[in-house]
Amino acid sequence: MLLYLSTQPTTMNTFEFPHSLLERAKQITLADLLDAPFTQPWAVSMMCNATNPSTCPPHETTEEEMLDFKISQLVRSIPASERNELFKICSDAISARRDERDENRTIKRK
């Protein structure tokens, strides 16, 4: 008999941000993040990761389910080729930063 054990958490640990921070965040829209070149790849990556059922726990409320649905619909409206290009930008930036960090560690050890 094959037993399937899920590595997916049943709840997600989150932070309770101060009201003042949330009020300031309301001044920034998703459209702002999607329109700005320096945040666009990260915003698309975040939305894709947030709505990927293999990486997120089940939703606790219908509000969360509706938000997931809305984000998923938005993500699906971005052509896959564009999403892949944006993922590559994120991946390249992460790799470059990792390489820079590793190089700095090597230099400091000498």
C-alpha atoms as a PDB file:
ATOM      1  CA  MET A   1       0.000   0.000   0.000  1.00  0.00           C
ATOM      2  CA  LEU A   2       1.342   3.435  -0.997  1.00  0.00           C
ATOM      3  CA  LEU A   3       0.847   6.112   1.608  1.00  0.00           C
ATOM      4  CA  TYR A   4       0.929   9.730   0.475  1.00  0.00           C
ATOM      5  CA  LEU A   5       2.310  12.194   2.990  1.00  0.00           C
ATOM      6  CA  SER A   6       1.819  15.827   2.148  1.00  0.00           C
ATOM      7  CA  THR A   7       4.672  18.234   2.808  1.00  0.00           C
ATOM      8  CA  GLN A   8       2.230  21.096   2.338  1.00  0.00           C
ATOM      9  CA  PRO A   9       1.494  22.985   5.566  1.00  0.00           C
ATOM     10  CA  THR A  10      -2.105  23.029   6.727  1.00  0.00           C
ATOM     11  CA  THR A  11      -1.806  26.661   7.812  1.00  0.00           C
ATOM     12  CA  MET A  12       0.543  29.407   6.810  1.00  0.00           C
ATOM     13  CA  ASN A  13       2.490  31.411   9.362  1.00  0.00           C
ATOM     14  CA  THR A  14       2.055  35.093   8.671  1.00  0.00           C
ATOM     15  CA  PHE A  15       2.876  38.368  10.355  1.00  0.00           C
ATOM     16  CA  GLU A  16       0.401  40.819  11.757  1.00  0.00           C
ATOM     17  CA  PHE A  17       1.565  44.117  10.305  1.00  0.00           C
ATOM     18  CA  PRO A  18       0.867  47.360  12.142  1.00  0.00           C
ATOM     19  CA  HIS A  19      -2.179  49.294  11.018  1.00  0.00           C
ATOM     20  CA  SER A  20       0.068  52.218  10.038  1.00  0.00           C
ATOM     21  CA  LEU A  21       2.004  50.029   7.605  1.00  0.00           C
ATOM     22  CA  LEU A  22      -1.197  48.659   6.062  1.00  0.00           C
ATOM     23  CA  GLU A  23      -2.533  52.194   5.644  1.00  0.00           C
ATOM     24  CA  ARG A  24       0.657  53.224   3.828  1.00  0.00           C
ATOM     25  CA  ALA A  25       0.451  50.078   1.666  1.00  0.00           C
ATOM     26  CA  LYS A  26      -3.024  51.118   0.508  1.00  0.00           C
ATOM     27  CA  GLN A  27      -1.329  53.972  -1.340  1.00  0.00           C
ATOM     28  CA  ILE A  28       0.397  51.440  -3.623  1.00  0.00           C
ATOM     29  CA  THR A  29      -1.749  49.468  -6.040  1.00  0.00           C
ATOM     30  CA  LEU A  30      -1.099  46.206  -7.816  1.00  0.00           C
ATOM     31  CA  ALA A  31      -1.291  48.219 -11.019  1.00  0.00           C
ATOM     32  CA  ASP A  32       1.593  50.345  -9.715  1.00  0.00           C
ATOM     33  CA  LEU A  33       3.670  47.211  -9.104  1.00  0.00           C
ATOM     34  CA  LEU A  34       2.828  45.723 -12.508  1.00  0.00           C
ATOM     35  CA  ASP A  35       3.610  48.972 -14.300  1.00  0.00           C
ATOM     36  CA  ALA A  36       6.985  49.766 -12.705  1.00  0.00           C
ATOM     37  CA  PRO A  37       9.887  47.998 -14.460  1.00  0.00           C
ATOM     38  CA  PHE A  38      11.770  47.331 -11.217  1.00  0.00           C
ATOM     39  CA  THR A  39       8.792  45.611  -9.539  1.00  0.00           C
ATOM     40  CA  GLN A  40       6.992  44.033 -12.513  1.00  0.00           C
ATOM     41  CA  PRO A  41       8.873  40.706 -12.613  1.00  0.00           C
ATOM     42  CA  TRP A  42       8.656  40.293  -8.840  1.00  0.00           C
ATOM     43  CA  ALA A  43       4.934  41.145  -8.720  1.00  0.00           C
ATOM     44  CA  VAL A  44       4.110  38.565 -11.395  1.00  0.00           C
ATOM     45  CA  SER A  45       6.310  35.978  -9.698  1.00  0.00           C
ATOM     46  CA  MET A  46       4.620  36.672  -6.357  1.00  0.00           C
ATOM     47  CA  MET A  47       1.142  36.268  -7.831  1.00  0.00           C
ATOM     48  CA  CYS A  48       2.083  33.017  -9.556  1.00  0.00           C
ATOM     49  CA  ASN A  49       3.677  31.612  -6.407  1.00  0.00           C
ATOM     50  CA  ALA A  50       0.806  32.759  -4.200  1.00  0.00           C
ATOM     51  CA  THR A  51      -1.797  30.996  -6.330  1.00  0.00           C
ATOM     52  CA  ASN A  52       0.180  27.799  -6.968  1.00  0.00           C
ATOM     53  CA  PRO A  53      -1.792  25.064  -5.174  1.00  0.00           C
ATOM     54  CA  SER A  54       1.330  22.921  -4.712  1.00  0.00           C
ATOM     55  CA  THR A  55       2.998  25.560  -2.533  1.00  0.00           C
ATOM     56  CA  CYS A  56       0.110  27.068  -0.569  1.00  0.00           C
ATOM     57  CA  PRO A  57      -2.048  25.650   2.181  1.00  0.00           C
ATOM     58  CA  PRO A  58      -5.827  25.465   1.796  1.00  0.00           C
ATOM     59  CA  HIS A  59      -7.661  28.738   2.220  1.00  0.00           C
ATOM     60  CA  GLU A  60      -9.232  29.383   5.580  1.00  0.00           C
ATOM     61  CA  THR A  61     -11.968  31.785   4.445  1.00  0.00           C
ATOM     62  CA  THR A  62     -14.121  32.403   1.406  1.00  0.00           C
ATOM     63  CA  GLU A  63     -12.478  35.836   1.166  1.00  0.00           C
ATOM     64  CA  GLU A  64      -9.104  34.124   0.688  1.00  0.00           C
ATOM     65  CA  GLU A  65     -10.631  31.816  -1.927  1.00  0.00           C
ATOM     66  CA  MET A  66     -12.051  34.793  -3.819  1.00  0.00           C
ATOM     67  CA  LEU A  67      -8.739  36.643  -3.687  1.00  0.00           C
ATOM     68  CA  ASP A  68      -6.952  33.553  -4.992  1.00  0.00           C
ATOM     69  CA  PHE A  69      -9.496  33.290  -7.814  1.00  0.00           C
ATOM     70  CA  LYS A  70      -9.090  36.955  -8.783  1.00  0.00           C
ATOM     71  CA  ILE A  71      -5.293  36.743  -8.734  1.00  0.00           C
ATOM     72  CA  SER A  72      -5.361  33.484 -10.723  1.00  0.00           C
ATOM     73  CA  GLN A  73      -7.598  35.053 -13.363  1.00  0.00           C
ATOM     74  CA  LEU A  74      -5.260  38.033 -13.617  1.00  0.00           C
ATOM     75  CA  VAL A  75      -2.181  35.795 -13.905  1.00  0.00           C
ATOM     76  CA  ARG A  76      -3.826  33.719 -16.638  1.00  0.00           C
ATOM     77  CA  SER A  77      -4.452  36.889 -18.627  1.00  0.00           C
ATOM     78  CA  ILE A  78      -0.680  37.434 -18.901  1.00  0.00           C
ATOM     79  CA  PRO A  79       0.655  35.338 -21.804  1.00  0.00           C
ATOM     80  CA  ALA A  80       2.798  32.407 -20.658  1.00  0.00           C
ATOM     81  CA  SER A  81       5.712  33.607 -22.777  1.00  0.00           C
ATOM     82  CA  GLU A  82       5.689  36.959 -20.949  1.00  0.00           C
ATOM     83  CA  ARG A  83       5.410  35.276 -17.545  1.00  0.00           C
ATOM     84  CA  ASN A  84       8.376  33.063 -18.446  1.00  0.00           C
ATOM     85  CA  GLU A  85      10.458  36.080 -19.468  1.00  0.00           C
ATOM     86  CA  LEU A  86       9.623  37.772 -16.162  1.00  0.00           C
ATOM     87  CA  PHE A  87      10.512  34.584 -14.227  1.00  0.00           C
ATOM     88  CA  LYS A  88      13.866  34.554 -16.035  1.00  0.00           C
ATOM     89  CA  ILE A  89      14.522  38.157 -14.977  1.00  0.00           C
ATOM     90  CA  CYS A  90      13.890  37.167 -11.350  1.00  0.00           C
ATOM     91  CA  SER A  91      15.986  34.026 -11.654  1.00  0.00           C
ATOM     92  CA  ASP A  92      18.886  35.907 -13.267  1.00  0.00           C
ATOM     93  CA  ALA A  93      18.775  38.586 -10.562  1.00  0.00           C
ATOM     94  CA  ILE A  94      18.787  35.971  -7.793  1.00  0.00           C
ATOM     95  CA  SER A  95      21.652  34.061  -9.441  1.00  0.00           C
ATOM     96  CA  ALA A  96      23.689  37.241  -9.938  1.00  0.00           C
ATOM     97  CA  ARG A  97      23.187  38.235  -6.300  1.00  0.00           C
ATOM     98  CA  ARG A  98      24.114  34.730  -5.116  1.00  0.00           C
ATOM     99  CA  ASP A  99      27.254  34.738  -7.278  1.00  0.00           C
ATOM    100  CA  GLU A 100      28.210  38.185  -5.968  1.00  0.00           C
ATOM    101  CA  ARG A 101      27.689  37.076  -2.381  1.00  0.00           C
ATOM    102  CA  ASP A 102      29.737  33.897  -2.901  1.00  0.00           C
ATOM    103  CA  GLU A 103      32.511  35.864  -4.574  1.00  0.00           C
ATOM    104  CA  ASN A 104      32.599  38.316  -1.660  1.00  0.00           C
ATOM    105  CA  ARG A 105      32.833  35.414   0.807  1.00  0.00           C
ATOM    106  CA  THR A 106      35.732  33.930  -1.140  1.00  0.00           C
ATOM    107  CA  ILE A 107      37.568  37.255  -1.207  1.00  0.00           C
ATOM    108  CA  LYS A 108      37.091  37.757   2.558  1.00  0.00           C
ATOM    109  CA  ARG A 109      38.503  34.288   3.328  1.00  0.00           C
ATOM    110  CA  LYS A 110      41.749  34.987   1.476  1.00  0.00           C
END
